[in-house]
C-alpha atoms as a PDB file:
ATOM      1  CA  MET A   1      12.901 -13.282 -11.738  1.00  0.00           C
ATOM      2  CA  THR A   2      12.727 -15.443 -14.856  1.00  0.00           C
ATOM      3  CA  ILE A   3       9.861 -13.488 -16.448  1.00  0.00           C
ATOM      4  CA  GLY A   4      10.539 -10.571 -18.791  1.00  0.00           C
ATOM      5  CA  ASP A   5      11.858  -9.494 -22.171  1.00  0.00           C
ATOM      6  CA  VAL A   6      15.401 -10.609 -21.333  1.00  0.00           C
ATOM      7  CA  GLU A   7      15.527 -14.388 -21.089  1.00  0.00           C
ATOM      8  CA  ALA A   8      16.788 -15.834 -17.814  1.00  0.00           C
ATOM      9  CA  SER A   9      16.256 -19.473 -16.917  1.00  0.00           C
ATOM     10  CA  SER A  10      15.759 -20.702 -13.376  1.00  0.00           C
ATOM     11  CA  GLY A  11      19.294 -22.074 -13.514  1.00  0.00           C
ATOM     12  CA  ASP A  12      20.636 -18.658 -14.483  1.00  0.00           C
ATOM     13  CA  VAL A  13      18.758 -17.091 -11.586  1.00  0.00           C
ATOM     14  CA  VAL A  14      20.194 -19.609  -9.109  1.00  0.00           C
ATOM     15  CA  ARG A  15      23.728 -18.975 -10.388  1.00  0.00           C
ATOM     16  CA  ILE A  16      23.261 -15.197 -10.254  1.00  0.00           C
ATOM     17  CA  LEU A  17      22.039 -15.412  -6.673  1.00  0.00           C
ATOM     18  CA  ALA A  18      24.932 -17.700  -5.758  1.00  0.00           C
ATOM     19  CA  ASN A  19      27.401 -15.213  -7.239  1.00  0.00           C
ATOM     20  CA  ARG A  20      25.824 -12.222  -5.530  1.00  0.00           C
ATOM     21  CA  LEU A  21      25.064 -13.725  -2.134  1.00  0.00           C
ATOM     22  CA  PHE A  22      27.766 -16.347  -1.600  1.00  0.00           C
ATOM     23  CA  GLY A  23      30.638 -15.158  -3.771  1.00  0.00           C
ATOM     24  CA  ALA A  24      30.437 -18.018  -6.270  1.00  0.00           C
ATOM     25  CA  ALA A  25      32.211 -17.678  -9.601  1.00  0.00           C
ATOM     26  CA  TYR A  26      29.703 -18.912 -12.172  1.00  0.00           C
ATOM     27  CA  THR A  27      30.028 -17.425 -15.646  1.00  0.00           C
ATOM     28  CA  ILE A  28      26.933 -15.319 -16.325  1.00  0.00           C
ATOM     29  CA  ASP A  29      26.034 -12.913 -19.092  1.00  0.00           C
ATOM     30  CA  PRO A  30      26.491  -9.403 -17.613  1.00  0.00           C
ATOM     31  CA  ILE A  31      23.195  -8.173 -19.064  1.00  0.00           C
ATOM     32  CA  SER A  32      21.253 -11.063 -17.534  1.00  0.00           C
ATOM     33  CA  ASP A  33      23.042 -10.524 -14.232  1.00  0.00           C
ATOM     34  CA  GLY A  34      22.153  -6.829 -14.150  1.00  0.00           C
ATOM     35  CA  VAL A  35      18.531  -7.366 -15.167  1.00  0.00           C
ATOM     36  CA  VAL A  36      17.880 -10.152 -12.661  1.00  0.00           C
ATOM     37  CA  TRP A  37      19.694  -8.665  -9.679  1.00  0.00           C
ATOM     38  CA  HIS A  38      19.280  -4.920 -10.038  1.00  0.00           C
ATOM     39  CA  TYR A  39      15.925  -4.801 -11.796  1.00  0.00           C
ATOM     40  CA  ARG A  40      13.746  -7.864 -11.218  1.00  0.00           C
ATOM     41  CA  LEU A  41      14.767  -8.944  -7.721  1.00  0.00           C
ATOM     42  CA  SER A  42      14.753  -5.446  -6.232  1.00  0.00           C
ATOM     43  CA  ARG A  43      11.414  -4.819  -7.923  1.00  0.00           C
ATOM     44  CA  ALA A  44       9.968  -8.046  -6.500  1.00  0.00           C
ATOM     45  CA  VAL A  45      11.171  -7.245  -2.965  1.00  0.00           C
ATOM     46  CA  VAL A  46       9.634  -3.757  -3.032  1.00  0.00           C
ATOM     47  CA  ALA A  47       6.418  -5.097  -4.601  1.00  0.00           C
ATOM     48  CA  ALA A  48       6.175  -7.670  -1.806  1.00  0.00           C
ATOM     49  CA  CYS A  49       6.679  -5.001   0.860  1.00  0.00           C
ATOM     50  CA  ALA A  50       4.162  -2.664  -0.765  1.00  0.00           C
ATOM     51  CA  GLY A  51       1.519  -5.374  -1.166  1.00  0.00           C
ATOM     52  CA  GLY A  52       2.062  -6.673   2.347  1.00  0.00           C
ATOM     53  CA  GLY A  53       1.935  -3.168   3.810  1.00  0.00           C
ATOM     54  CA  LEU A  54      -1.295  -2.218   2.051  1.00  0.00           C
ATOM     55  CA  ALA A  55      -2.926  -5.505   3.045  1.00  0.00           C
ATOM     56  CA  LEU A  56      -1.886  -4.917   6.654  1.00  0.00           C
ATOM     57  CA  CYS A  57      -3.421  -1.440   6.544  1.00  0.00           C
ATOM     58  CA  GLY A  58      -6.658  -2.912   5.246  1.00  0.00           C
ATOM     59  CA  VAL A  59      -6.827  -5.485   8.050  1.00  0.00           C
ATOM     60  CA  VAL A  60      -6.237  -2.854  10.733  1.00  0.00           C
ATOM     61  CA  LEU A  61      -8.651  -0.273   9.339  1.00  0.00           C
ATOM     62  CA  GLN A  62     -11.424  -2.810   8.812  1.00  0.00           C
ATOM     63  CA  ALA A  63     -11.040  -3.961  12.431  1.00  0.00           C
ATOM     64  CA  LEU A  64     -10.867  -0.483  13.948  1.00  0.00           C
ATOM     65  CA  LEU A  65     -13.797   0.888  11.964  1.00  0.00           C
ATOM     66  CA  ARG A  66     -15.769  -2.368  11.898  1.00  0.00           C
ATOM     67  CA  ASN A  67     -16.460  -1.722   8.234  1.00  0.00           C
ATOM     68  CA  PRO A  68     -15.597  -4.234   5.476  1.00  0.00           C
ATOM     69  CA  LEU A  69     -15.023  -1.427   2.958  1.00  0.00           C
ATOM     70  CA  ALA A  70     -12.295   0.353   4.927  1.00  0.00           C
ATOM     71  CA  GLU A  71      -8.859   0.594   3.318  1.00  0.00           C
ATOM     72  CA  PRO A  72      -6.250   3.353   2.796  1.00  0.00           C
ATOM     73  CA  TYR A  73      -7.399   4.185  -0.736  1.00  0.00           C
ATOM     74  CA  LEU A  74     -11.054   4.651   0.221  1.00  0.00           C
ATOM     75  CA  LEU A  75     -10.237   6.586   3.395  1.00  0.00           C
ATOM     76  CA  GLY A  76      -8.248   9.189   1.489  1.00  0.00           C
ATOM     77  CA  ILE A  77      -4.904   8.287   3.104  1.00  0.00           C
ATOM     78  CA  SER A  78      -3.388   7.287  -0.241  1.00  0.00           C
ATOM     79  CA  ALA A  79      -4.685  10.483  -1.852  1.00  0.00           C
ATOM     80  CA  GLY A  80      -3.149  12.613   0.905  1.00  0.00           C
ATOM     81  CA  ALA A  81       0.163  10.782   0.642  1.00  0.00           C
ATOM     82  CA  SER A  82       0.124  11.340  -3.118  1.00  0.00           C
ATOM     83  CA  THR A  83      -0.443  15.077  -2.631  1.00  0.00           C
ATOM     84  CA  GLY A  84       2.474  15.313  -0.197  1.00  0.00           C
ATOM     85  CA  ALA A  85       4.743  13.343  -2.514  1.00  0.00           C
ATOM     86  CA  VAL A  86       3.806  15.459  -5.544  1.00  0.00           C
ATOM     87  CA  LEU A  87       4.591  18.627  -3.567  1.00  0.00           C
ATOM     88  CA  VAL A  88       8.101  17.277  -3.066  1.00  0.00           C
ATOM     89  CA  ILE A  89       8.521  16.061  -6.651  1.00  0.00           C
ATOM     90  CA  ILE A  90       7.290  19.197  -8.414  1.00  0.00           C
ATOM     91  CA  LEU A  91       7.786  22.059  -5.955  1.00  0.00           C
ATOM     92  CA  GLY A  92      10.832  20.656  -4.190  1.00  0.00           C
ATOM     93  CA  PHE A  93       9.453  20.844  -0.658  1.00  0.00           C
ATOM     94  CA  SER A  94      11.396  18.829   1.911  1.00  0.00           C
ATOM     95  CA  ILE A  95       9.892  17.670   5.206  1.00  0.00           C
ATOM     96  CA  GLY A  96      12.535  17.400   7.895  1.00  0.00           C
ATOM     97  CA  GLY A  97      15.140  16.347   5.367  1.00  0.00           C
ATOM     98  CA  LEU A  98      13.184  13.163   4.578  1.00  0.00           C
ATOM     99  CA  GLY A  99      12.275  14.260   1.076  1.00  0.00           C
ATOM    100  CA  LEU A 100       9.662  12.165  -0.726  1.00  0.00           C
ATOM    101  CA  SER A 101       8.904   9.860   2.216  1.00  0.00           C
ATOM    102  CA  GLY A 102       8.499  12.802   4.594  1.00  0.00           C
ATOM    103  CA  GLY A 103       6.179  14.613   2.221  1.00  0.00           C
ATOM    104  CA  ALA A 104       4.088  11.498   1.688  1.00  0.00           C
ATOM    105  CA  PHE A 105       3.794  10.867   5.428  1.00  0.00           C
ATOM    106  CA  LEU A 106       2.766  14.447   6.161  1.00  0.00           C
ATOM    107  CA  GLY A 107       0.182  14.266   3.373  1.00  0.00           C
ATOM    108  CA  ALA A 108      -1.181  10.955   4.678  1.00  0.00           C
ATOM    109  CA  ALA A 109      -1.421  12.317   8.224  1.00  0.00           C
ATOM    110  CA  SER A 110      -3.136  15.488   6.997  1.00  0.00           C
ATOM    111  CA  ALA A 111      -5.635  13.487   4.971  1.00  0.00           C
ATOM    112  CA  PHE A 112      -6.529  11.232   7.853  1.00  0.00           C
ATOM    113  CA  GLY A 113      -6.842  14.209  10.209  1.00  0.00           C
ATOM    114  CA  PHE A 114      -9.204  15.871   7.755  1.00  0.00           C
ATOM    115  CA  VAL A 115     -11.276  12.697   7.411  1.00  0.00           C
ATOM    116  CA  ALA A 116     -11.446  12.238  11.199  1.00  0.00           C
ATOM    117  CA  ILE A 117     -12.641  15.819  11.745  1.00  0.00           C
ATOM    118  CA  LEU A 118     -15.171  15.575   8.930  1.00  0.00           C
ATOM    119  CA  ALA A 119     -16.499  12.228  10.165  1.00  0.00           C
ATOM    120  CA  ARG A 120     -16.858  13.505  13.717  1.00  0.00           C
ATOM    121  CA  GLY A 121     -18.709  16.590  12.531  1.00  0.00           C
ATOM    122  CA  ALA A 122     -21.051  14.456  10.449  1.00  0.00           C
ATOM    123  CA  GLY A 123     -22.295  12.549  13.494  1.00  0.00           C
ATOM    124  CA  SER A 124     -21.854   9.119  14.975  1.00  0.00           C
ATOM    125  CA  GLY A 125     -21.467   5.869  13.069  1.00  0.00           C
ATOM    126  CA  VAL A 126     -18.416   4.179  11.602  1.00  0.00           C
ATOM    127  CA  ASP A 127     -20.012   4.156   8.133  1.00  0.00           C
ATOM    128  CA  ARG A 128     -19.719   7.927   8.086  1.00  0.00           C
ATOM    129  CA  VAL A 129     -15.950   7.540   8.154  1.00  0.00           C
ATOM    130  CA  ILE A 130     -16.124   5.861   4.751  1.00  0.00           C
ATOM    131  CA  LEU A 131     -18.211   8.715   3.353  1.00  0.00           C
ATOM    132  CA  ALA A 132     -15.811  11.241   4.875  1.00  0.00           C
ATOM    133  CA  GLY A 133     -12.903   9.283   3.392  1.00  0.00           C
ATOM    134  CA  ILE A 134     -14.414   9.486  -0.081  1.00  0.00           C
ATOM    135  CA  ALA A 135     -14.817  13.237   0.316  1.00  0.00           C
ATOM    136  CA  GLY A 136     -11.254  13.563   1.589  1.00  0.00           C
ATOM    137  CA  ALA A 137      -9.898  11.478  -1.270  1.00  0.00           C
ATOM    138  CA  GLN A 138     -11.644  13.694  -3.810  1.00  0.00           C
ATOM    139  CA  LEU A 139     -10.319  16.831  -2.133  1.00  0.00           C
ATOM    140  CA  PHE A 140      -6.699  15.677  -2.057  1.00  0.00           C
ATOM    141  CA  ASN A 141      -6.916  14.239  -5.568  1.00  0.00           C
ATOM    142  CA  ALA A 142      -8.134  17.639  -6.711  1.00  0.00           C
ATOM    143  CA  ALA A 143      -5.237  19.298  -4.882  1.00  0.00           C
ATOM    144  CA  THR A 144      -2.789  16.947  -6.600  1.00  0.00           C
ATOM    145  CA  SER A 145      -4.280  17.687 -10.009  1.00  0.00           C
ATOM    146  CA  PHE A 146      -4.126  21.427  -9.318  1.00  0.00           C
ATOM    147  CA  ILE A 147      -0.432  21.232  -8.378  1.00  0.00           C
ATOM    148  CA  VAL A 148       0.396  19.172 -11.455  1.00  0.00           C
ATOM    149  CA  THR A 149      -1.526  21.318 -13.942  1.00  0.00           C
ATOM    150  CA  THR A 150      -0.275  24.658 -12.594  1.00  0.00           C
ATOM    151  CA  SER A 151       3.333  23.899 -11.663  1.00  0.00           C
ATOM    152  CA  ALA A 152       4.600  20.979 -13.762  1.00  0.00           C
ATOM    153  CA  ASP A 153       5.904  20.968 -17.308  1.00  0.00           C
ATOM    154  CA  ALA A 154       4.740  18.406 -19.870  1.00  0.00           C
ATOM    155  CA  GLU A 155       7.401  15.844 -19.022  1.00  0.00           C
ATOM    156  CA  GLN A 156       6.811  16.147 -15.269  1.00  0.00           C
ATOM    157  CA  THR A 157       3.061  15.875 -15.780  1.00  0.00           C
ATOM    158  CA  ARG A 158       3.359  12.663 -17.764  1.00  0.00           C
ATOM    159  CA  GLY A 159       5.759  11.122 -15.261  1.00  0.00           C
ATOM    160  CA  VAL A 160       3.706  12.103 -12.215  1.00  0.00           C
ATOM    161  CA  MET A 161       0.396  10.935 -13.662  1.00  0.00           C
ATOM    162  CA  PHE A 162       1.903   7.551 -14.583  1.00  0.00           C
ATOM    163  CA  TRP A 163       3.471   7.286 -11.125  1.00  0.00           C
ATOM    164  CA  LEU A 164       0.199   8.152  -9.396  1.00  0.00           C
ATOM    165  CA  LEU A 165      -1.414   5.106 -11.016  1.00  0.00           C
ATOM    166  CA  GLY A 166       1.278   2.935  -9.469  1.00  0.00           C
ATOM    167  CA  SER A 167       4.650   2.177 -10.987  1.00  0.00           C
ATOM    168  CA  LEU A 168       7.572  -0.034  -9.995  1.00  0.00           C
ATOM    169  CA  GLY A 169       9.624   0.989 -13.011  1.00  0.00           C
ATOM    170  CA  GLY A 170      12.112   3.137 -11.104  1.00  0.00           C
ATOM    171  CA  VAL A 171      12.479   0.856  -8.088  1.00  0.00           C
ATOM    172  CA  ARG A 172      16.012  -0.184  -7.141  1.00  0.00           C
ATOM    173  CA  TRP A 173      17.761  -1.596  -4.077  1.00  0.00           C
ATOM    174  CA  PRO A 174      17.973   1.731  -2.161  1.00  0.00           C
ATOM    175  CA  ASP A 175      14.155   1.747  -1.996  1.00  0.00           C
ATOM    176  CA  THR A 176      14.236  -1.424   0.094  1.00  0.00           C
ATOM    177  CA  TRP A 177      15.872   0.568   2.910  1.00  0.00           C
ATOM    178  CA  VAL A 178      12.538   2.313   3.339  1.00  0.00           C
ATOM    179  CA  ALA A 179      10.109  -0.458   2.403  1.00  0.00           C
ATOM    180  CA  VAL A 180      11.524  -3.367   4.407  1.00  0.00           C
ATOM    181  CA  PRO A 181      12.065  -1.661   7.817  1.00  0.00           C
ATOM    182  CA  VAL A 182       8.702   0.138   7.719  1.00  0.00           C
ATOM    183  CA  LEU A 183       6.847  -3.096   6.929  1.00  0.00           C
ATOM    184  CA  ALA A 184       8.781  -5.050   9.559  1.00  0.00           C
ATOM    185  CA  LEU A 185       8.089  -2.483  12.287  1.00  0.00           C
ATOM    186  CA  GLY A 186       4.438  -2.108  11.302  1.00  0.00           C
ATOM    187  CA  LEU A 187       3.920  -5.869  11.218  1.00  0.00           C
ATOM    188  CA  ALA A 188       5.585  -6.347  14.613  1.00  0.00           C
ATOM    189  CA  TYR A 189       3.475  -3.610  16.215  1.00  0.00           C
ATOM    190  CA  CYS A 190       0.191  -4.847  14.745  1.00  0.00           C
ATOM    191  CA  LEU A 191       0.932  -8.453  15.724  1.00  0.00           C
ATOM    192  CA  SER A 192       1.543  -7.305  19.287  1.00  0.00           C
ATOM    193  CA  LYS A 193      -1.966  -5.767  19.237  1.00  0.00           C
ATOM    194  CA  ALA A 194      -3.691  -8.738  17.583  1.00  0.00           C
ATOM    195  CA  ARG A 195      -5.819  -9.627  20.628  1.00  0.00           C
ATOM    196  CA  ALA A 196      -6.892  -6.010  21.025  1.00  0.00           C
ATOM    197  CA  LEU A 197      -7.947  -5.930  17.365  1.00  0.00           C
ATOM    198  CA  ASP A 198     -10.065  -9.020  18.011  1.00  0.00           C
ATOM    199  CA  ALA A 199     -11.802  -7.126  20.810  1.00  0.00           C
ATOM    200  CA  PHE A 200     -12.645  -4.213  18.509  1.00  0.00           C
ATOM    201  CA  ALA A 201     -14.951  -6.551  16.595  1.00  0.00           C
ATOM    202  CA  PHE A 202     -17.419  -6.190  19.465  1.00  0.00           C
ATOM    203  CA  GLY A 203     -17.177  -2.405  19.649  1.00  0.00           C
ATOM    204  CA  ASP A 204     -15.234   0.201  21.593  1.00  0.00           C
ATOM    205  CA  GLU A 205     -17.166  -0.357  24.812  1.00  0.00           C
ATOM    206  CA  ALA A 206     -16.486  -4.078  24.776  1.00  0.00           C
ATOM    207  CA  ALA A 207     -12.797  -3.451  24.121  1.00  0.00           C
ATOM    208  CA  ALA A 208     -12.619  -0.929  26.975  1.00  0.00           C
ATOM    209  CA  SER A 209     -14.310  -3.393  29.333  1.00  0.00           C
ATOM    210  CA  LEU A 210     -11.445  -5.810  28.661  1.00  0.00           C
ATOM    211  CA  GLY A 211      -8.934  -3.246  29.880  1.00  0.00           C
ATOM    212  CA  ILE A 212      -7.851  -1.936  26.475  1.00  0.00           C
ATOM    213  CA  GLU A 213      -6.883   1.718  26.216  1.00  0.00           C
ATOM    214  CA  VAL A 214      -9.122   2.324  23.230  1.00  0.00           C
ATOM    215  CA  SER A 215      -8.120   5.909  22.430  1.00  0.00           C
ATOM    216  CA  SER A 216      -4.341   5.437  22.631  1.00  0.00           C
ATOM    217  CA  LEU A 217      -4.429   2.122  20.784  1.00  0.00           C
ATOM    218  CA  ARG A 218      -6.591   3.555  18.022  1.00  0.00           C
ATOM    219  CA  THR A 219      -4.207   6.510  17.658  1.00  0.00           C
ATOM    220  CA  GLY A 220      -1.182   4.220  17.487  1.00  0.00           C
ATOM    221  CA  LEU A 221      -2.713   1.908  14.915  1.00  0.00           C
ATOM    222  CA  PHE A 222      -3.915   4.785  12.760  1.00  0.00           C
ATOM    223  CA  ALA A 223      -0.400   6.248  12.885  1.00  0.00           C
ATOM    224  CA  VAL A 224       1.037   2.915  11.739  1.00  0.00           C
ATOM    225  CA  THR A 225      -1.384   2.722   8.809  1.00  0.00           C
ATOM    226  CA  ALA A 226      -0.523   6.287   7.825  1.00  0.00           C
ATOM    227  CA  LEU A 227       3.204   5.491   7.971  1.00  0.00           C
ATOM    228  CA  LEU A 228       2.834   2.308   5.934  1.00  0.00           C
ATOM    229  CA  THR A 229       0.668   4.023   3.341  1.00  0.00           C
ATOM    230  CA  ALA A 230       3.070   6.941   3.072  1.00  0.00           C
ATOM    231  CA  ALA A 231       6.039   4.610   2.597  1.00  0.00           C
ATOM    232  CA  VAL A 232       4.252   2.670  -0.140  1.00  0.00           C
ATOM    233  CA  VAL A 233       3.005   5.764  -1.964  1.00  0.00           C
ATOM    234  CA  SER A 234       6.414   7.460  -1.816  1.00  0.00           C
ATOM    235  CA  ILE A 235       7.966   4.458  -3.600  1.00  0.00           C
ATOM    236  CA  VAL A 236       5.346   3.007  -5.951  1.00  0.00           C
ATOM    237  CA  GLY A 237       2.565   5.598  -6.071  1.00  0.00           C
ATOM    238  CA  ALA A 238      -1.098   5.181  -5.148  1.00  0.00           C
ATOM    239  CA  VAL A 239      -2.099   1.538  -5.651  1.00  0.00           C
ATOM    240  CA  GLY A 240      -5.748   0.906  -4.896  1.00  0.00           C
ATOM    241  CA  PHE A 241      -7.827  -2.095  -3.827  1.00  0.00           C
ATOM    242  CA  VAL A 242      -5.004  -4.199  -2.350  1.00  0.00           C
ATOM    243  CA  GLY A 243      -5.994  -3.268   1.198  1.00  0.00           C
ATOM    244  CA  LEU A 244      -9.628  -4.024   0.385  1.00  0.00           C
ATOM    245  CA  VAL A 245      -9.482  -7.312  -1.504  1.00  0.00           C
ATOM    246  CA  VAL A 246      -6.639  -9.189   0.187  1.00  0.00           C
ATOM    247  CA  PRO A 247      -7.909  -9.073   3.806  1.00  0.00           C
ATOM    248  CA  HIS A 248     -11.321 -10.403   2.745  1.00  0.00           C
ATOM    249  CA  ALA A 249      -9.811 -13.244   0.718  1.00  0.00           C
ATOM    250  CA  THR A 250      -7.428 -14.129   3.538  1.00  0.00           C
ATOM    251  CA  ARG A 251     -10.156 -13.935   6.185  1.00  0.00           C
ATOM    252  CA  PHE A 252     -12.109 -16.501   4.173  1.00  0.00           C
ATOM    253  CA  LEU A 253      -9.113 -18.871   4.326  1.00  0.00           C
ATOM    254  CA  VAL A 254      -7.748 -18.448   7.867  1.00  0.00           C
ATOM    255  CA  GLY A 255     -10.654 -16.968   9.813  1.00  0.00           C
ATOM    256  CA  PRO A 256     -11.097 -13.657  11.638  1.00  0.00           C
ATOM    257  CA  ARG A 257      -8.567 -14.052  14.479  1.00  0.00           C
ATOM    258  CA  HIS A 258      -5.915 -11.413  13.917  1.00  0.00           C
ATOM    259  CA  GLU A 259      -2.965 -13.435  15.165  1.00  0.00           C
ATOM    260  CA  ARG A 260      -3.423 -15.548  12.034  1.00  0.00           C
ATOM    261  CA  LEU A 261      -5.115 -12.999   9.789  1.00  0.00           C
ATOM    262  CA  ILE A 262      -2.355 -10.379  10.014  1.00  0.00           C
ATOM    263  CA  PRO A 263       0.636 -12.498   8.859  1.00  0.00           C
ATOM    264  CA  ALA A 264      -1.497 -14.351   6.295  1.00  0.00           C
ATOM    265  CA  SER A 265      -2.744 -11.074   4.819  1.00  0.00           C
ATOM    266  CA  VAL A 266       0.771  -9.664   4.616  1.00  0.00           C
ATOM    267  CA  LEU A 267       1.958 -12.773   2.779  1.00  0.00           C
ATOM    268  CA  ALA A 268      -1.061 -12.800   0.457  1.00  0.00           C
ATOM    269  CA  GLY A 269      -0.680  -9.080  -0.254  1.00  0.00           C
ATOM    270  CA  ALA A 270       2.976  -9.575  -1.130  1.00  0.00           C
ATOM    271  CA  VAL A 271       2.161 -12.383  -3.567  1.00  0.00           C
ATOM    272  CA  PHE A 272      -0.775 -10.457  -5.038  1.00  0.00           C
ATOM    273  CA  LEU A 273       1.260  -7.363  -5.875  1.00  0.00           C
ATOM    274  CA  ILE A 274       4.184  -9.374  -7.270  1.00  0.00           C
ATOM    275  CA  VAL A 275       1.767 -11.175  -9.603  1.00  0.00           C
ATOM    276  CA  ALA A 276       0.116  -7.868 -10.510  1.00  0.00           C
ATOM    277  CA  ASP A 277       3.530  -6.416 -11.359  1.00  0.00           C
ATOM    278  CA  ILE A 278       4.345  -9.384 -13.578  1.00  0.00           C
ATOM    279  CA  LEU A 279       1.018  -8.964 -15.381  1.00  0.00           C
ATOM    280  CA  SER A 280       1.637  -5.234 -15.812  1.00  0.00           C
ATOM    281  CA  ARG A 281       4.860  -6.045 -17.669  1.00  0.00           C
ATOM    282  CA  THR A 282       3.573  -8.937 -19.780  1.00  0.00           C
ATOM    283  CA  MET A 283      -0.100  -8.279 -20.629  1.00  0.00           C
ATOM    284  CA  ILE A 284       0.797  -6.045 -23.577  1.00  0.00           C
ATOM    285  CA  SER A 285       3.953  -6.862 -25.495  1.00  0.00           C
ATOM    286  CA  GLY A 286       6.489  -4.059 -25.431  1.00  0.00           C
ATOM    287  CA  GLN A 287       4.457  -1.903 -23.034  1.00  0.00           C
ATOM    288  CA  VAL A 288       4.312  -1.610 -19.257  1.00  0.00           C
ATOM    289  CA  LEU A 289       0.946  -0.832 -17.684  1.00  0.00           C
ATOM    290  CA  PRO A 290       0.644   1.093 -14.411  1.00  0.00           C
ATOM    291  CA  ILE A 291       0.310  -1.497 -11.668  1.00  0.00           C
ATOM    292  CA  GLY A 292      -2.738   0.309 -10.311  1.00  0.00           C
ATOM    293  CA  VAL A 293      -4.581  -0.552 -13.516  1.00  0.00           C
ATOM    294  CA  VAL A 294      -3.998  -4.259 -12.911  1.00  0.00           C
ATOM    295  CA  THR A 295      -5.039  -4.144  -9.257  1.00  0.00           C
ATOM    296  CA  ALA A 296      -8.171  -2.220 -10.226  1.00  0.00           C
ATOM    297  CA  MET A 297      -9.132  -4.927 -12.722  1.00  0.00           C
ATOM    298  CA  VAL A 298      -9.287  -7.354  -9.808  1.00  0.00           C
ATOM    299  CA  GLY A 299     -10.291  -4.932  -7.075  1.00  0.00           C
ATOM    300  CA  ALA A 300     -13.243  -3.211  -8.729  1.00  0.00           C
ATOM    301  CA  PRO A 301     -15.280  -6.427  -9.229  1.00  0.00           C
ATOM    302  CA  ALA A 302     -14.288  -7.585  -5.740  1.00  0.00           C
ATOM    303  CA  PHE A 303     -15.428  -4.243  -4.319  1.00  0.00           C
ATOM    304  CA  ALA A 304     -18.791  -4.669  -6.022  1.00  0.00           C
ATOM    305  CA  ILE A 305     -19.185  -8.159  -4.544  1.00  0.00           C
ATOM    306  CA  ILE A 306     -18.285  -6.971  -1.044  1.00  0.00           C
ATOM    307  CA  LEU A 307     -20.655  -4.014  -1.358  1.00  0.00           C
ATOM    308  CA  TRP A 308     -23.455  -6.310  -2.481  1.00  0.00           C
ATOM    309  CA  ARG A 309     -22.892  -8.725   0.403  1.00  0.00           C
ATOM    310  CA  THR A 310     -22.915  -5.894   2.953  1.00  0.00           C
ATOM    311  CA  ARG A 311     -25.798  -3.925   1.413  1.00  0.00           C
ATOM    312  CA  ARG A 312     -28.001  -4.424   4.457  1.00  0.00           C
ATOM    313  CA  ARG A 313     -25.449  -2.784   6.780  1.00  0.00           C
ATOM    314  CA  VAL A 314     -24.017   0.016   4.635  1.00  0.00           C
END
């Protein structure tokens, strides 16, 4: 909250928080107060929720598919959510009165359904899900581009394309009413299934032999990842590589057991995206980069390293 074009010392931040949260009466410059409270703090909270949610999705998908490359971006879920959100933004569609979030969720669910059908038709093997996800991502990205180029004016096109690369520029406190509850519910549900996720490491048959309802649990966890991805995309756009890089880094630190891996990954994802947002605002003076550009700078090399390490299995 101290970093940005408008100067705000740590003491100013403490006094602003005391005024806002506890009704203190410190004298604070109104501009600094507005920037810190309405802009930087709300932005940091949403960034933390988005990073934690994407990291959680990566942990779950990598466990369910037993593939180290699985994450919402690669499986096409982010692309589908983007298509649904763009339909709402440009064409004004509304899904059940939920607006942008509803459109993003329907798009995410449609994308994952398409990937599941395509992967099943391609034959057995969890690696085929990744290939199907890449195909699904390309299809929904093409659909998004078609909608933008045929239905949006120049101003809408510029705004949507910047948003699709990930942007926290328009985030304010009302967005936390979506981000915080969705992350809290998703985290609680996934933590309750931590032991079952451990069992998936040995395969579906091993999990079933331990009394786990494999089909229903898989459906529930996939639904949670779709909901989390849709919530993130509807607020900040499609941010790639967080769900891929963070779980691997956290697994190296805390081990593979999901009762530790899940909360650690959520925390690490939150910190990672907050830092990425700070870098997006400070790397180039007077210009804000899309946050997806920053995450890709870290994620693309990490993806190459992971791919190299798993080359014998993929």
